[in-house]
Amino acid sequence: MKTRRGDVILVLFPNSDLRTAKRRPALVIQRDELSSGLAQTIVAMISSNLARRGHPSRIFVSRDSAEGKAAGLRLDSVIMADNLATILETEMDSILVHLPDIKTVDVALKHTLALD
């Protein structure tokens, strides 16, 4: 599956124990030109658990906001720039939507990776 930065995709996202996983949406964050030679993509987890918001590495997205409507969110959600995973293409189900403006995610990623 050909993805690009800003795509919200449905993936089998690994849990912290790396033994189990859950099907959930995730945001493609890697550079479009990045090619590792492997069929994999770097993504950030998206969660509807609102207890996870309020951290500089996490972006709250209301389902009623312009971004939430563009993403087709059914629930208020949190993009977690501090919960990243490299996902094999075989674990990707579909592209749900493309978010063209992810500048707030870039700020959160800089915080997570101490690039600010």
N, C-alpha and C. Protein backbone atom coordinates (compact mmCIF):
# COMPACT_ATOMS: atom_id res chain seq x y z
N MET A 1 0.83 -1.17 0.00
CA MET A 1 0.00 0.00 0.00
C MET A 1 0.88 1.24 0.00
N LYS A 2 0.66 2.14 -0.90
CA LYS A 2 1.42 3.38 -0.99
C LYS A 2 0.78 4.42 -0.08
N THR A 3 1.52 4.84 0.93
CA THR A 3 1.03 5.86 1.85
C THR A 3 1.88 7.11 1.71
N ARG A 4 1.37 8.20 2.26
CA ARG A 4 2.15 9.44 2.29
C ARG A 4 1.95 10.13 3.63
N ARG A 5 2.87 10.97 3.95
CA ARG A 5 2.83 11.70 5.22
C ARG A 5 1.49 12.42 5.34
N GLY A 6 0.84 12.24 6.48
CA GLY A 6 -0.46 12.86 6.71
C GLY A 6 -1.64 11.92 6.50
N ASP A 7 -1.38 10.73 5.95
CA ASP A 7 -2.46 9.75 5.80
C ASP A 7 -2.83 9.18 7.16
N VAL A 8 -4.12 9.05 7.40
CA VAL A 8 -4.62 8.31 8.55
C VAL A 8 -4.96 6.93 8.03
N ILE A 9 -4.31 5.92 8.59
CA ILE A 9 -4.49 4.56 8.10
C ILE A 9 -4.98 3.65 9.22
N LEU A 10 -5.66 2.60 8.85
CA LEU A 10 -6.08 1.59 9.82
C LEU A 10 -5.01 0.51 9.84
N VAL A 11 -4.44 0.27 11.03
CA VAL A 11 -3.31 -0.65 11.15
C VAL A 11 -3.48 -1.56 12.36
N LEU A 12 -2.70 -2.62 12.37
CA LEU A 12 -2.57 -3.45 13.55
C LEU A 12 -1.41 -2.85 14.35
N PHE A 13 -1.74 -2.04 15.38
CA PHE A 13 -0.74 -1.29 16.13
C PHE A 13 -0.28 -2.10 17.33
N PRO A 14 1.05 -2.27 17.49
CA PRO A 14 1.56 -3.09 18.59
C PRO A 14 1.35 -2.42 19.95
N ASN A 15 1.00 -3.23 20.95
CA ASN A 15 0.91 -2.75 22.32
C ASN A 15 2.32 -2.67 22.91
N SER A 16 2.44 -2.06 24.07
CA SER A 16 3.75 -1.86 24.69
C SER A 16 4.50 -3.15 24.94
N ASP A 17 3.78 -4.24 25.16
CA ASP A 17 4.45 -5.51 25.43
C ASP A 17 5.05 -6.14 24.17
N LEU A 18 4.75 -5.60 23.00
CA LEU A 18 5.23 -6.07 21.70
C LEU A 18 4.81 -7.50 21.38
N ARG A 19 3.88 -8.03 22.16
CA ARG A 19 3.37 -9.39 21.90
C ARG A 19 1.93 -9.37 21.41
N THR A 20 1.23 -8.29 21.76
CA THR A 20 -0.16 -8.15 21.35
C THR A 20 -0.32 -6.86 20.55
N ALA A 21 -1.45 -6.76 19.86
CA ALA A 21 -1.69 -5.58 19.03
C ALA A 21 -3.19 -5.33 18.95
N LYS A 22 -3.53 -4.12 18.54
CA LYS A 22 -4.93 -3.74 18.41
C LYS A 22 -5.11 -2.99 17.09
N ARG A 23 -6.19 -3.29 16.40
CA ARG A 23 -6.49 -2.58 15.16
C ARG A 23 -6.99 -1.19 15.52
N ARG A 24 -6.33 -0.16 14.99
CA ARG A 24 -6.67 1.22 15.32
C ARG A 24 -6.16 2.15 14.23
N PRO A 25 -6.65 3.38 14.21
CA PRO A 25 -6.11 4.35 13.26
C PRO A 25 -4.75 4.84 13.72
N ALA A 26 -3.93 5.22 12.76
CA ALA A 26 -2.62 5.79 13.05
C ALA A 26 -2.30 6.81 11.96
N LEU A 27 -1.45 7.77 12.30
CA LEU A 27 -1.07 8.82 11.37
C LEU A 27 0.31 8.54 10.80
N VAL A 28 0.43 8.55 9.48
CA VAL A 28 1.74 8.37 8.84
C VAL A 28 2.54 9.64 9.08
N ILE A 29 3.73 9.49 9.69
CA ILE A 29 4.55 10.66 10.02
C ILE A 29 5.87 10.69 9.28
N GLN A 30 6.25 9.62 8.63
CA GLN A 30 7.56 9.60 7.99
C GLN A 30 7.55 10.45 6.72
N ARG A 31 8.73 10.91 6.37
CA ARG A 31 8.93 11.71 5.15
C ARG A 31 8.54 10.87 3.94
N ASP A 32 7.86 11.51 2.98
CA ASP A 32 7.42 10.78 1.78
C ASP A 32 8.59 10.17 1.02
N GLU A 33 9.73 10.84 1.02
CA GLU A 33 10.87 10.37 0.24
C GLU A 33 11.68 9.29 0.95
N LEU A 34 11.32 8.99 2.19
CA LEU A 34 12.07 8.00 2.96
C LEU A 34 11.84 6.61 2.40
N SER A 35 12.92 5.96 2.05
CA SER A 35 12.82 4.59 1.55
C SER A 35 13.89 3.76 2.23
N SER A 36 13.46 2.86 3.07
CA SER A 36 14.41 2.02 3.80
C SER A 36 14.72 0.74 3.05
N GLY A 37 14.03 0.53 1.91
CA GLY A 37 14.20 -0.71 1.18
C GLY A 37 13.28 -1.81 1.70
N LEU A 38 12.56 -1.51 2.77
CA LEU A 38 11.62 -2.46 3.35
C LEU A 38 10.21 -1.91 3.21
N ALA A 39 9.24 -2.79 3.17
CA ALA A 39 7.83 -2.39 3.04
C ALA A 39 7.27 -2.05 4.42
N GLN A 40 7.66 -0.88 4.94
CA GLN A 40 7.24 -0.48 6.28
C GLN A 40 7.06 1.03 6.33
N THR A 41 6.32 1.49 7.33
CA THR A 41 5.99 2.91 7.47
C THR A 41 6.00 3.28 8.94
N ILE A 42 6.48 4.49 9.25
CA ILE A 42 6.50 4.98 10.63
C ILE A 42 5.21 5.75 10.88
N VAL A 43 4.51 5.38 11.97
CA VAL A 43 3.22 5.99 12.27
C VAL A 43 3.13 6.39 13.75
N ALA A 44 2.19 7.30 14.03
CA ALA A 44 1.86 7.69 15.40
C ALA A 44 0.47 7.16 15.72
N MET A 45 0.32 6.63 16.91
CA MET A 45 -0.95 6.06 17.34
C MET A 45 -2.01 7.15 17.50
N ILE A 46 -3.25 6.81 17.17
CA ILE A 46 -4.40 7.67 17.44
C ILE A 46 -5.31 6.92 18.41
N SER A 47 -5.69 7.60 19.49
CA SER A 47 -6.49 6.97 20.54
C SER A 47 -7.73 7.81 20.84
N SER A 48 -8.80 7.15 21.21
CA SER A 48 -10.00 7.86 21.67
C SER A 48 -10.03 7.96 23.20
N ASN A 49 -8.97 7.50 23.86
CA ASN A 49 -8.86 7.59 25.32
C ASN A 49 -8.41 9.01 25.67
N LEU A 50 -9.35 9.86 26.04
CA LEU A 50 -9.05 11.27 26.27
C LEU A 50 -8.24 11.53 27.52
N ALA A 51 -8.08 10.53 28.38
CA ALA A 51 -7.21 10.68 29.55
C ALA A 51 -5.76 10.85 29.11
N ARG A 52 -5.47 10.53 27.86
CA ARG A 52 -4.10 10.62 27.35
C ARG A 52 -3.74 12.02 26.85
N ARG A 53 -4.69 12.94 26.81
CA ARG A 53 -4.39 14.28 26.30
C ARG A 53 -3.75 15.14 27.39
N GLY A 54 -3.32 16.35 27.01
CA GLY A 54 -2.76 17.27 27.98
C GLY A 54 -1.25 17.19 28.11
N HIS A 55 -0.59 16.51 27.21
CA HIS A 55 0.87 16.37 27.22
C HIS A 55 1.39 17.04 25.95
N PRO A 56 2.55 17.70 25.99
CA PRO A 56 3.06 18.39 24.80
C PRO A 56 3.33 17.48 23.60
N SER A 57 3.43 16.19 23.83
CA SER A 57 3.66 15.25 22.73
C SER A 57 2.36 14.66 22.19
N ARG A 58 1.23 15.20 22.64
CA ARG A 58 -0.06 14.65 22.23
C ARG A 58 -0.98 15.77 21.75
N ILE A 59 -1.69 15.50 20.67
CA ILE A 59 -2.55 16.50 20.06
C ILE A 59 -3.99 16.04 20.15
N PHE A 60 -4.81 16.83 20.84
CA PHE A 60 -6.23 16.54 20.94
C PHE A 60 -6.91 17.01 19.65
N VAL A 61 -7.76 16.16 19.09
CA VAL A 61 -8.53 16.52 17.90
C VAL A 61 -10.00 16.24 18.18
N SER A 62 -10.78 17.30 18.23
CA SER A 62 -12.22 17.15 18.44
C SER A 62 -12.87 16.64 17.15
N ARG A 63 -13.80 15.74 17.28
CA ARG A 63 -14.49 15.23 16.09
C ARG A 63 -15.28 16.34 15.41
N ASP A 64 -15.61 17.41 16.14
CA ASP A 64 -16.38 18.52 15.59
C ASP A 64 -15.50 19.61 14.99
N SER A 65 -14.18 19.50 15.14
CA SER A 65 -13.27 20.49 14.56
C SER A 65 -13.13 20.25 13.06
N ALA A 66 -12.55 21.22 12.36
CA ALA A 66 -12.31 21.06 10.92
C ALA A 66 -11.45 19.83 10.65
N GLU A 67 -10.40 19.64 11.47
CA GLU A 67 -9.52 18.49 11.30
C GLU A 67 -10.26 17.19 11.58
N GLY A 68 -11.05 17.19 12.65
CA GLY A 68 -11.80 15.99 13.01
C GLY A 68 -12.81 15.61 11.95
N LYS A 69 -13.47 16.61 11.39
CA LYS A 69 -14.44 16.34 10.32
C LYS A 69 -13.72 15.85 9.07
N ALA A 70 -12.56 16.47 8.76
CA ALA A 70 -11.79 16.05 7.58
C ALA A 70 -11.32 14.61 7.73
N ALA A 71 -10.99 14.22 8.97
CA ALA A 71 -10.51 12.86 9.22
C ALA A 71 -11.65 11.87 9.37
N GLY A 72 -12.87 12.38 9.43
CA GLY A 72 -14.01 11.49 9.60
C GLY A 72 -14.05 10.84 10.97
N LEU A 73 -13.54 11.56 11.99
CA LEU A 73 -13.51 11.00 13.34
C LEU A 73 -14.92 10.78 13.87
N ARG A 74 -15.15 9.62 14.43
CA ARG A 74 -16.43 9.32 15.08
C ARG A 74 -16.39 9.74 16.54
N LEU A 75 -15.17 9.84 17.09
CA LEU A 75 -14.98 10.20 18.49
C LEU A 75 -13.88 11.25 18.59
N ASP A 76 -13.92 12.06 19.65
CA ASP A 76 -12.78 12.92 19.94
C ASP A 76 -11.57 12.01 20.11
N SER A 77 -10.41 12.47 19.64
CA SER A 77 -9.24 11.59 19.63
C SER A 77 -7.97 12.33 20.01
N VAL A 78 -6.93 11.56 20.27
CA VAL A 78 -5.62 12.10 20.61
C VAL A 78 -4.59 11.46 19.68
N ILE A 79 -3.84 12.31 18.96
CA ILE A 79 -2.71 11.82 18.15
C ILE A 79 -1.52 11.80 19.10
N MET A 80 -0.91 10.64 19.24
CA MET A 80 0.15 10.46 20.23
C MET A 80 1.53 10.40 19.57
N ALA A 81 2.18 11.57 19.53
CA ALA A 81 3.50 11.65 18.92
C ALA A 81 4.57 11.01 19.80
N ASP A 82 4.18 10.56 20.98
CA ASP A 82 5.11 9.84 21.87
C ASP A 82 4.84 8.34 21.87
N ASN A 83 4.00 7.88 20.96
CA ASN A 83 3.74 6.44 20.81
C ASN A 83 3.83 6.12 19.32
N LEU A 84 5.05 5.88 18.88
CA LEU A 84 5.34 5.65 17.47
C LEU A 84 5.63 4.18 17.23
N ALA A 85 5.39 3.76 16.01
CA ALA A 85 5.69 2.37 15.64
C ALA A 85 6.06 2.32 14.17
N THR A 86 6.88 1.35 13.83
CA THR A 86 7.18 1.05 12.43
C THR A 86 6.31 -0.15 12.07
N ILE A 87 5.42 0.06 11.12
CA ILE A 87 4.41 -0.94 10.76
C ILE A 87 4.71 -1.51 9.38
N LEU A 88 4.69 -2.82 9.29
CA LEU A 88 4.85 -3.48 7.99
C LEU A 88 3.61 -3.26 7.14
N GLU A 89 3.79 -3.15 5.83
CA GLU A 89 2.66 -2.96 4.93
C GLU A 89 1.61 -4.05 5.10
N THR A 90 2.04 -5.25 5.43
CA THR A 90 1.08 -6.36 5.60
C THR A 90 0.14 -6.13 6.78
N GLU A 91 0.49 -5.21 7.69
CA GLU A 91 -0.35 -4.91 8.85
C GLU A 91 -1.23 -3.69 8.62
N MET A 92 -1.17 -3.10 7.43
CA MET A 92 -1.98 -1.93 7.10
C MET A 92 -3.23 -2.38 6.35
N ASP A 93 -4.39 -1.93 6.83
CA ASP A 93 -5.65 -2.31 6.20
C ASP A 93 -6.06 -1.36 5.08
N SER A 94 -6.13 -0.08 5.42
CA SER A 94 -6.62 0.88 4.44
C SER A 94 -6.24 2.30 4.83
N ILE A 95 -6.25 3.17 3.84
CA ILE A 95 -6.08 4.60 4.09
C ILE A 95 -7.47 5.16 4.34
N LEU A 96 -7.66 5.78 5.50
CA LEU A 96 -8.97 6.32 5.85
C LEU A 96 -9.17 7.72 5.30
N VAL A 97 -8.14 8.55 5.41
CA VAL A 97 -8.24 9.94 4.97
C VAL A 97 -6.83 10.52 4.93
N HIS A 98 -6.67 11.65 4.27
CA HIS A 98 -5.39 12.36 4.26
C HIS A 98 -5.58 13.71 4.95
N LEU A 99 -4.72 14.01 5.91
CA LEU A 99 -4.72 15.31 6.58
C LEU A 99 -3.59 16.14 6.00
N PRO A 100 -3.89 17.16 5.22
CA PRO A 100 -2.84 17.92 4.54
C PRO A 100 -1.99 18.79 5.46
N ASP A 101 -2.55 19.21 6.60
CA ASP A 101 -1.82 20.11 7.50
C ASP A 101 -1.59 19.43 8.84
N ILE A 102 -0.36 18.98 9.05
CA ILE A 102 -0.05 18.31 10.33
C ILE A 102 1.08 19.05 11.07
N LYS A 103 1.06 20.39 10.98
CA LYS A 103 2.09 21.20 11.64
C LYS A 103 2.08 21.00 13.16
N THR A 104 0.90 20.85 13.76
CA THR A 104 0.85 20.64 15.21
C THR A 104 1.48 19.30 15.59
N VAL A 105 1.38 18.33 14.70
CA VAL A 105 2.03 17.03 14.93
C VAL A 105 3.55 17.20 14.86
N ASP A 106 4.02 18.02 13.92
CA ASP A 106 5.46 18.28 13.82
C ASP A 106 6.00 18.88 15.12
N VAL A 107 5.26 19.81 15.71
CA VAL A 107 5.67 20.42 16.98
C VAL A 107 5.74 19.34 18.08
N ALA A 108 4.74 18.49 18.13
CA ALA A 108 4.71 17.42 19.13
C ALA A 108 5.85 16.42 18.92
N LEU A 109 6.15 16.10 17.66
CA LEU A 109 7.26 15.20 17.36
C LEU A 109 8.59 15.81 17.78
N LYS A 110 8.76 17.10 17.55
CA LYS A 110 9.99 17.78 17.97
C LYS A 110 10.15 17.69 19.48
N HIS A 111 9.05 17.85 20.21
CA HIS A 111 9.10 17.72 21.67
C HIS A 111 9.48 16.30 22.08
N THR A 112 8.83 15.32 21.47
CA THR A 112 9.07 13.91 21.80
C THR A 112 10.53 13.53 21.58
N LEU A 113 11.09 13.99 20.47
CA LEU A 113 12.44 13.59 20.08
C LEU A 113 13.51 14.59 20.50
N ALA A 114 13.13 15.58 21.32
CA ALA A 114 14.05 16.61 21.81
C ALA A 114 14.77 17.33 20.67
N LEU A 115 14.01 17.69 19.65
CA LEU A 115 14.57 18.38 18.49
C LEU A 115 14.27 19.88 18.52
N ASP A 116 13.74 20.36 19.64
CA ASP A 116 13.42 21.79 19.72
C ASP A 116 14.42 22.54 20.54
